[in-house]
């Protein structure tokens, strides 16, 4: 599968998760906080498999908490703009 297809599938899956969280009653702030927690976990526990993942991990690790919040918030915004595909 081409990288662009993998990225699109990945972002669609995350967008669906955000949509489900909102439908379950999570606030935008709670979703952003959860994204930041996931970013922390990924940076500590998951080995990057691509140069892009390595870059994101290294950016996360050098960022202060305020910058990490901005990264997580930007990711949530990006994903909320993605069309979700049900099914």
PDB file of N, CA and C in Angstrom:
ATOM      1  N   UNK A   1       0.855  -1.174   0.000  1.00  0.00           N
ATOM      2  CA  UNK A   1       0.000   0.000   0.000  1.00  0.00           C
ATOM      3  C   UNK A   1       0.904   1.242   0.000  1.00  0.00           C
ATOM      4  N   UNK A   2       0.649   2.191  -0.887  1.00  0.00           N
ATOM      5  CA  UNK A   2       1.462   3.411  -0.924  1.00  0.00           C
ATOM      6  C   UNK A   2       1.373   4.187   0.392  1.00  0.00           C
ATOM      7  N   UNK A   3       2.443   4.913   0.692  1.00  0.00           N
ATOM      8  CA  UNK A   3       2.511   5.672   1.939  1.00  0.00           C
ATOM      9  C   UNK A   3       1.347   6.646   2.066  1.00  0.00           C
ATOM     10  N   UNK A   4       0.975   7.304   0.961  1.00  0.00           N
ATOM     11  CA  UNK A   4      -0.130   8.268   1.028  1.00  0.00           C
ATOM     12  C   UNK A   4      -1.436   7.583   1.405  1.00  0.00           C
ATOM     13  N   UNK A   5      -1.658   6.367   0.909  1.00  0.00           N
ATOM     14  CA  UNK A   5      -2.863   5.621   1.282  1.00  0.00           C
ATOM     15  C   UNK A   5      -2.830   5.238   2.757  1.00  0.00           C
ATOM     16  N   UNK A   6      -1.654   4.829   3.239  1.00  0.00           N
ATOM     17  CA  UNK A   6      -1.517   4.472   4.647  1.00  0.00           C
ATOM     18  C   UNK A   6      -1.790   5.681   5.532  1.00  0.00           C
ATOM     19  N   UNK A   7      -1.253   6.836   5.146  1.00  0.00           N
ATOM     20  CA  UNK A   7      -1.466   8.047   5.933  1.00  0.00           C
ATOM     21  C   UNK A   7      -2.940   8.414   5.944  1.00  0.00           C
ATOM     22  N   UNK A   8      -3.586   8.340   4.786  1.00  0.00           N
ATOM     23  CA  UNK A   8      -5.008   8.683   4.709  1.00  0.00           C
ATOM     24  C   UNK A   8      -5.833   7.725   5.564  1.00  0.00           C
ATOM     25  N   UNK A   9      -5.529   6.450   5.507  1.00  0.00           N
ATOM     26  CA  UNK A   9      -6.255   5.471   6.319  1.00  0.00           C
ATOM     27  C   UNK A   9      -6.033   5.753   7.810  1.00  0.00           C
ATOM     28  N   UNK A  10      -4.798   6.046   8.178  1.00  0.00           N
ATOM     29  CA  UNK A  10      -4.460   6.350   9.568  1.00  0.00           C
ATOM     30  C   UNK A  10      -5.224   7.572  10.060  1.00  0.00           C
ATOM     31  N   UNK A  11      -5.233   8.645   9.278  1.00  0.00           N
ATOM     32  CA  UNK A  11      -5.919   9.866   9.711  1.00  0.00           C
ATOM     33  C   UNK A  11      -7.429   9.665   9.750  1.00  0.00           C
ATOM     34  N   UNK A  12      -7.974   8.875   8.835  1.00  0.00           N
ATOM     35  CA  UNK A  12      -9.410   8.602   8.866  1.00  0.00           C
ATOM     36  C   UNK A  12      -9.791   7.822  10.120  1.00  0.00           C
ATOM     37  N   UNK A  13      -8.959   6.851  10.492  1.00  0.00           N
ATOM     38  CA  UNK A  13      -9.237   6.080  11.702  1.00  0.00           C
ATOM     39  C   UNK A  13      -9.198   6.975  12.933  1.00  0.00           C
ATOM     40  N   UNK A  14      -8.197   7.845  13.012  1.00  0.00           N
ATOM     41  CA  UNK A  14      -8.115   8.760  14.150  1.00  0.00           C
ATOM     42  C   UNK A  14      -9.283   9.737  14.154  1.00  0.00           C
ATOM     43  N   UNK A  15      -9.668  10.219  12.983  1.00  0.00           N
ATOM     44  CA  UNK A  15     -10.805  11.142  12.887  1.00  0.00           C
ATOM     45  C   UNK A  15     -12.082  10.461  13.373  1.00  0.00           C
ATOM     46  N   UNK A  16     -12.252   9.192  13.040  1.00  0.00           N
ATOM     47  CA  UNK A  16     -13.423   8.453  13.507  1.00  0.00           C
ATOM     48  C   UNK A  16     -13.415   8.318  15.026  1.00  0.00           C
ATOM     49  N   UNK A  17     -12.239   8.108  15.601  1.00  0.00           N
ATOM     50  CA  UNK A  17     -12.122   7.993  17.063  1.00  0.00           C
ATOM     51  C   UNK A  17     -12.484   9.324  17.737  1.00  0.00           C
ATOM     52  N   UNK A  18     -12.037  10.426  17.146  1.00  0.00           N
ATOM     53  CA  UNK A  18     -12.368  11.738  17.708  1.00  0.00           C
ATOM     54  C   UNK A  18     -13.865  11.984  17.613  1.00  0.00           C
ATOM     55  N   UNK A  19     -14.446  11.643  16.474  1.00  0.00           N
ATOM     56  CA  UNK A  19     -15.891  11.817  16.304  1.00  0.00           C
ATOM     57  C   UNK A  19     -16.652  10.968  17.332  1.00  0.00           C
ATOM     58  N   UNK A  20     -16.214   9.747  17.559  1.00  0.00           N
ATOM     59  CA  UNK A  20     -16.867   8.875  18.542  1.00  0.00           C
ATOM     60  C   UNK A  20     -16.728   9.452  19.953  1.00  0.00           C
ATOM     61  N   UNK A  21     -15.565  10.012  20.259  1.00  0.00           N
ATOM     62  CA  UNK A  21     -15.356  10.621  21.576  1.00  0.00           C
ATOM     63  C   UNK A  21     -16.291  11.806  21.774  1.00  0.00           C
ATOM     64  N   UNK A  22     -16.451  12.617  20.749  1.00  0.00           N
ATOM     65  CA  UNK A  22     -17.361  13.767  20.851  1.00  0.00           C
ATOM     66  C   UNK A  22     -18.799  13.298  21.034  1.00  0.00           C
ATOM     67  N   UNK A  23     -19.184  12.259  20.294  1.00  0.00           N
ATOM     68  CA  UNK A  23     -20.539  11.732  20.413  1.00  0.00           C
ATOM     69  C   UNK A  23     -20.776  11.109  21.790  1.00  0.00           C
ATOM     70  N   UNK A  24     -19.697  10.638  22.421  1.00  0.00           N
ATOM     71  CA  UNK A  24     -19.810  10.063  23.763  1.00  0.00           C
ATOM     72  C   UNK A  24     -19.812  11.137  24.844  1.00  0.00           C
ATOM     73  N   UNK A  25     -19.657  12.391  24.424  1.00  0.00           N
ATOM     74  CA  UNK A  25     -19.750  13.488  25.379  1.00  0.00           C
ATOM     75  C   UNK A  25     -18.440  14.111  25.810  1.00  0.00           C
ATOM     76  N   UNK A  26     -17.323  13.695  25.230  1.00  0.00           N
ATOM     77  CA  UNK A  26     -16.044  14.309  25.591  1.00  0.00           C
ATOM     78  C   UNK A  26     -15.977  15.732  25.048  1.00  0.00           C
ATOM     79  N   UNK A  27     -15.463  16.626  25.856  1.00  0.00           N
ATOM     80  CA  UNK A  27     -15.296  18.013  25.421  1.00  0.00           C
ATOM     81  C   UNK A  27     -14.055  18.129  24.536  1.00  0.00           C
ATOM     82  N   UNK A  28     -13.978  19.233  23.817  1.00  0.00           N
ATOM     83  CA  UNK A  28     -12.810  19.497  22.975  1.00  0.00           C
ATOM     84  C   UNK A  28     -11.543  19.516  23.833  1.00  0.00           C
ATOM     85  N   UNK A  29     -11.629  20.112  25.006  1.00  0.00           N
ATOM     86  CA  UNK A  29     -10.467  20.184  25.904  1.00  0.00           C
ATOM     87  C   UNK A  29     -10.052  18.789  26.366  1.00  0.00           C
ATOM     88  N   UNK A  30     -11.026  17.929  26.672  1.00  0.00           N
ATOM     89  CA  UNK A  30     -10.715  16.556  27.080  1.00  0.00           C
ATOM     90  C   UNK A  30     -10.053  15.783  25.942  1.00  0.00           C
ATOM     91  N   UNK A  31     -10.527  15.980  24.729  1.00  0.00           N
ATOM     92  CA  UNK A  31      -9.946  15.303  23.566  1.00  0.00           C
ATOM     93  C   UNK A  31      -8.503  15.756  23.376  1.00  0.00           C
ATOM     94  N   UNK A  32      -8.250  17.050  23.499  1.00  0.00           N
ATOM     95  CA  UNK A  32      -6.880  17.564  23.365  1.00  0.00           C
ATOM     96  C   UNK A  32      -5.979  17.009  24.464  1.00  0.00           C
ATOM     97  N   UNK A  33      -6.497  16.947  25.686  1.00  0.00           N
ATOM     98  CA  UNK A  33      -5.711  16.409  26.800  1.00  0.00           C
ATOM     99  C   UNK A  33      -5.374  14.942  26.566  1.00  0.00           C
ATOM    100  N   UNK A  34      -6.341  14.190  26.062  1.00  0.00           N
ATOM    101  CA  UNK A  34      -6.101  12.773  25.765  1.00  0.00           C
ATOM    102  C   UNK A  34      -5.064  12.630  24.647  1.00  0.00           C
ATOM    103  N   UNK A  35      -5.132  13.488  23.645  1.00  0.00           N
ATOM    104  CA  UNK A  35      -4.141  13.460  22.562  1.00  0.00           C
ATOM    105  C   UNK A  35      -2.747  13.723  23.113  1.00  0.00           C
ATOM    106  N   UNK A  36      -2.641  14.627  24.072  1.00  0.00           N
ATOM    107  CA  UNK A  36      -1.344  14.923  24.673  1.00  0.00           C
ATOM    108  C   UNK A  36      -0.842  13.718  25.479  1.00  0.00           C
ATOM    109  N   UNK A  37      -1.725  13.044  26.199  1.00  0.00           N
ATOM    110  CA  UNK A  37      -1.337  11.845  26.947  1.00  0.00           C
ATOM    111  C   UNK A  37      -0.858  10.750  25.999  1.00  0.00           C
ATOM    112  N   UNK A  38      -1.552  10.599  24.884  1.00  0.00           N
ATOM    113  CA  UNK A  38      -1.158   9.590  23.900  1.00  0.00           C
ATOM    114  C   UNK A  38       0.194   9.950  23.299  1.00  0.00           C
ATOM    115  N   UNK A  39       0.411  11.235  23.025  1.00  0.00           N
ATOM    116  CA  UNK A  39       1.706  11.681  22.513  1.00  0.00           C
ATOM    117  C   UNK A  39       2.833  11.349  23.476  1.00  0.00           C
ATOM    118  N   UNK A  40       2.603  11.571  24.770  1.00  0.00           N
ATOM    119  CA  UNK A  40       3.604  11.226  25.781  1.00  0.00           C
ATOM    120  C   UNK A  40       3.908   9.733  25.747  1.00  0.00           C
ATOM    121  N   UNK A  41       2.851   8.927  25.723  1.00  0.00           N
ATOM    122  CA  UNK A  41       3.027   7.473  25.716  1.00  0.00           C
ATOM    123  C   UNK A  41       3.775   7.016  24.468  1.00  0.00           C
ATOM    124  N   UNK A  42       3.360   7.517  23.301  1.00  0.00           N
ATOM    125  CA  UNK A  42       4.021   7.118  22.060  1.00  0.00           C
ATOM    126  C   UNK A  42       5.499   7.484  22.072  1.00  0.00           C
ATOM    127  N   UNK A  43       5.819   8.690  22.537  1.00  0.00           N
ATOM    128  CA  UNK A  43       7.209   9.147  22.558  1.00  0.00           C
ATOM    129  C   UNK A  43       8.069   8.291  23.486  1.00  0.00           C
ATOM    130  N   UNK A  44       7.467   7.765  24.548  1.00  0.00           N
ATOM    131  CA  UNK A  44       8.228   6.976  25.513  1.00  0.00           C
ATOM    132  C   UNK A  44       8.278   5.495  25.175  1.00  0.00           C
ATOM    133  N   UNK A  45       7.230   4.973  24.561  1.00  0.00           N
ATOM    134  CA  UNK A  45       7.084   3.522  24.463  1.00  0.00           C
ATOM    135  C   UNK A  45       7.151   2.931  23.056  1.00  0.00           C
ATOM    136  N   UNK A  46       6.957   3.734  22.029  1.00  0.00           N
ATOM    137  CA  UNK A  46       6.829   3.181  20.679  1.00  0.00           C
ATOM    138  C   UNK A  46       8.010   3.621  19.819  1.00  0.00           C
ATOM    139  N   UNK A  47       8.650   2.650  19.189  1.00  0.00           N
ATOM    140  CA  UNK A  47       9.764   2.951  18.290  1.00  0.00           C
ATOM    141  C   UNK A  47       9.214   3.439  16.950  1.00  0.00           C
ATOM    142  N   UNK A  48       9.717   4.564  16.459  1.00  0.00           N
ATOM    143  CA  UNK A  48       9.242   5.067  15.164  1.00  0.00           C
ATOM    144  C   UNK A  48       9.639   4.113  14.036  1.00  0.00           C
ATOM    145  N   UNK A  49       8.731   3.952  13.067  1.00  0.00           N
ATOM    146  CA  UNK A  49       8.981   3.058  11.938  1.00  0.00           C
ATOM    147  C   UNK A  49       9.299   3.799  10.653  1.00  0.00           C
ATOM    148  N   UNK A  50       9.086   5.098  10.649  1.00  0.00           N
ATOM    149  CA  UNK A  50       9.361   5.891   9.448  1.00  0.00           C
ATOM    150  C   UNK A  50      10.126   7.149   9.851  1.00  0.00           C
ATOM    151  N   UNK A  51      10.788   7.794   8.889  1.00  0.00           N
ATOM    152  CA  UNK A  51      11.465   9.057   9.208  1.00  0.00           C
ATOM    153  C   UNK A  51      10.498  10.111   9.759  1.00  0.00           C
ATOM    154  N   UNK A  52       9.269  10.124   9.251  1.00  0.00           N
ATOM    155  CA  UNK A  52       8.276  11.091   9.721  1.00  0.00           C
ATOM    156  C   UNK A  52       7.914  10.838  11.181  1.00  0.00           C
ATOM    157  N   UNK A  53       7.757   9.573  11.538  1.00  0.00           N
ATOM    158  CA  UNK A  53       7.457   9.233  12.926  1.00  0.00           C
ATOM    159  C   UNK A  53       8.626   9.601  13.837  1.00  0.00           C
ATOM    160  N   UNK A  54       9.849   9.368  13.350  1.00  0.00           N
ATOM    161  CA  UNK A  54      11.034   9.732  14.134  1.00  0.00           C
ATOM    162  C   UNK A  54      11.086  11.239  14.351  1.00  0.00           C
ATOM    163  N   UNK A  55      10.798  12.012  13.303  1.00  0.00           N
ATOM    164  CA  UNK A  55      10.791  13.468  13.419  1.00  0.00           C
ATOM    165  C   UNK A  55       9.758  13.916  14.449  1.00  0.00           C
ATOM    166  N   UNK A  56       8.559  13.376  14.353  1.00  0.00           N
ATOM    167  CA  UNK A  56       7.505  13.757  15.297  1.00  0.00           C
ATOM    168  C   UNK A  56       7.892  13.382  16.723  1.00  0.00           C
ATOM    169  N   UNK A  57       8.467  12.190  16.901  1.00  0.00           N
ATOM    170  CA  UNK A  57       8.895  11.759  18.235  1.00  0.00           C
ATOM    171  C   UNK A  57       9.950  12.707  18.788  1.00  0.00           C
ATOM    172  N   UNK A  58      10.932  13.064  17.967  1.00  0.00           N
ATOM    173  CA  UNK A  58      11.994  13.950  18.435  1.00  0.00           C
ATOM    174  C   UNK A  58      11.461  15.353  18.716  1.00  0.00           C
ATOM    175  N   UNK A  59      10.527  15.830  17.885  1.00  0.00           N
ATOM    176  CA  UNK A  59       9.909  17.130  18.151  1.00  0.00           C
ATOM    177  C   UNK A  59       9.180  17.096  19.494  1.00  0.00           C
ATOM    178  N   UNK A  60       8.453  16.004  19.734  1.00  0.00           N
ATOM    179  CA  UNK A  60       7.695  15.871  20.979  1.00  0.00           C
ATOM    180  C   UNK A  60       8.641  15.866  22.179  1.00  0.00           C
ATOM    181  N   UNK A  61       9.750  15.145  22.044  1.00  0.00           N
ATOM    182  CA  UNK A  61      10.669  15.007  23.165  1.00  0.00           C
ATOM    183  C   UNK A  61      11.391  16.308  23.506  1.00  0.00           C
ATOM    184  N   UNK A  62      11.655  17.160  22.528  1.00  0.00           N
ATOM    185  CA  UNK A  62      12.342  18.423  22.824  1.00  0.00           C
ATOM    186  C   UNK A  62      11.363  19.536  23.187  1.00  0.00           C
ATOM    187  N   UNK A  63      10.086  19.326  22.940  1.00  0.00           N
ATOM    188  CA  UNK A  63       9.076  20.353  23.220  1.00  0.00           C
ATOM    189  C   UNK A  63       8.801  20.437  24.721  1.00  0.00           C
ATOM    190  N   UNK A  64       8.511  21.648  25.173  1.00  0.00           N
ATOM    191  CA  UNK A  64       8.069  21.805  26.561  1.00  0.00           C
ATOM    192  C   UNK A  64       6.569  21.480  26.606  1.00  0.00           C
ATOM    193  N   UNK A  65       5.983  21.373  27.794  1.00  0.00           N
ATOM    194  CA  UNK A  65       4.563  20.997  27.875  1.00  0.00           C
ATOM    195  C   UNK A  65       3.630  21.910  27.071  1.00  0.00           C
ATOM    196  N   UNK A  66       3.908  23.194  27.045  1.00  0.00           N
ATOM    197  CA  UNK A  66       3.072  24.118  26.266  1.00  0.00           C
ATOM    198  C   UNK A  66       3.180  23.810  24.770  1.00  0.00           C
ATOM    199  N   UNK A  67       4.381  23.527  24.308  1.00  0.00           N
ATOM    200  CA  UNK A  67       4.577  23.186  22.894  1.00  0.00           C
ATOM    201  C   UNK A  67       3.947  21.838  22.562  1.00  0.00           C
ATOM    202  N   UNK A  68       4.027  20.887  23.486  1.00  0.00           N
ATOM    203  CA  UNK A  68       3.377  19.593  23.275  1.00  0.00           C
ATOM    204  C   UNK A  68       1.866  19.764  23.175  1.00  0.00           C
ATOM    205  N   UNK A  69       1.327  20.641  23.993  1.00  0.00           N
ATOM    206  CA  UNK A  69      -0.108  20.931  23.921  1.00  0.00           C
ATOM    207  C   UNK A  69      -0.466  21.497  22.549  1.00  0.00           C
ATOM    208  N   UNK A  70       0.397  22.362  22.013  1.00  0.00           N
ATOM    209  CA  UNK A  70       0.153  22.940  20.689  1.00  0.00           C
ATOM    210  C   UNK A  70       0.220  21.869  19.603  1.00  0.00           C
ATOM    211  N   UNK A  71       1.170  20.949  19.707  1.00  0.00           N
ATOM    212  CA  UNK A  71       1.274  19.860  18.731  1.00  0.00           C
ATOM    213  C   UNK A  71       0.013  18.997  18.784  1.00  0.00           C
ATOM    214  N   UNK A  72      -0.399  18.613  19.987  1.00  0.00           N
ATOM    215  CA  UNK A  72      -1.595  17.778  20.153  1.00  0.00           C
ATOM    216  C   UNK A  72      -2.837  18.499  19.648  1.00  0.00           C
ATOM    217  N   UNK A  73      -2.952  19.775  19.969  1.00  0.00           N
ATOM    218  CA  UNK A  73      -4.105  20.565  19.528  1.00  0.00           C
ATOM    219  C   UNK A  73      -4.152  20.661  18.008  1.00  0.00           C
ATOM    220  N   UNK A  74      -3.002  20.872  17.397  1.00  0.00           N
ATOM    221  CA  UNK A  74      -2.941  20.953  15.931  1.00  0.00           C
ATOM    222  C   UNK A  74      -3.338  19.629  15.294  1.00  0.00           C
ATOM    223  N   UNK A  75      -2.896  18.530  15.884  1.00  0.00           N
ATOM    224  CA  UNK A  75      -3.258  17.217  15.357  1.00  0.00           C
ATOM    225  C   UNK A  75      -4.762  16.996  15.450  1.00  0.00           C
ATOM    226  N   UNK A  76      -5.359  17.357  16.577  1.00  0.00           N
ATOM    227  CA  UNK A  76      -6.812  17.211  16.733  1.00  0.00           C
ATOM    228  C   UNK A  76      -7.538  18.052  15.687  1.00  0.00           C
ATOM    229  N   UNK A  77      -7.101  19.290  15.487  1.00  0.00           N
ATOM    230  CA  UNK A  77      -7.729  20.152  14.473  1.00  0.00           C
ATOM    231  C   UNK A  77      -7.620  19.538  13.087  1.00  0.00           C
ATOM    232  N   UNK A  78      -6.437  19.034  12.759  1.00  0.00           N
ATOM    233  CA  UNK A  78      -6.233  18.401  11.456  1.00  0.00           C
ATOM    234  C   UNK A  78      -7.197  17.233  11.275  1.00  0.00           C
ATOM    235  N   UNK A  79      -7.307  16.405  12.288  1.00  0.00           N
ATOM    236  CA  UNK A  79      -8.151  15.216  12.188  1.00  0.00           C
ATOM    237  C   UNK A  79      -9.629  15.559  12.133  1.00  0.00           C
ATOM    238  N   UNK A  80     -10.029  16.629  12.789  1.00  0.00           N
ATOM    239  CA  UNK A  80     -11.435  17.020  12.749  1.00  0.00           C
ATOM    240  C   UNK A  80     -11.824  17.553  11.377  1.00  0.00           C
ATOM    241  N   UNK A  81     -10.864  17.915  10.570  1.00  0.00           N
ATOM    242  CA  UNK A  81     -11.149  18.385   9.210  1.00  0.00           C
ATOM    243  C   UNK A  81     -11.187  17.232   8.213  1.00  0.00           C
ATOM    244  N   UNK A  82     -10.783  16.033   8.647  1.00  0.00           N
ATOM    245  CA  UNK A  82     -10.768  14.865   7.776  1.00  0.00           C
ATOM    246  C   UNK A  82     -12.186  14.333   7.597  1.00  0.00           C
ATOM    247  N   UNK A  83     -12.522  13.919   6.395  1.00  0.00           N
ATOM    248  CA  UNK A  83     -13.812  13.235   6.228  1.00  0.00           C
ATOM    249  C   UNK A  83     -13.723  11.865   6.894  1.00  0.00           C
ATOM    250  N   UNK A  84     -14.769  11.492   7.607  1.00  0.00           N
ATOM    251  CA  UNK A  84     -14.785  10.169   8.227  1.00  0.00           C
ATOM    252  C   UNK A  84     -15.562   9.229   7.327  1.00  0.00           C
ATOM    253  N   UNK A  85     -15.089   8.004   7.285  1.00  0.00           N
ATOM    254  CA  UNK A  85     -15.725   6.985   6.461  1.00  0.00           C
ATOM    255  C   UNK A  85     -16.276   5.933   7.398  1.00  0.00           C
ATOM    256  N   UNK A  86     -17.564   5.750   7.400  1.00  0.00           N
ATOM    257  CA  UNK A  86     -18.146   4.737   8.279  1.00  0.00           C
ATOM    258  C   UNK A  86     -18.138   3.396   7.581  1.00  0.00           C
ATOM    259  N   UNK A  87     -18.022   2.384   8.421  1.00  0.00           N
ATOM    260  CA  UNK A  87     -18.171   1.086   7.850  1.00  0.00           C
ATOM    261  C   UNK A  87     -17.015   0.260   7.916  1.00  0.00           C
TER     262      UNK A  87
END
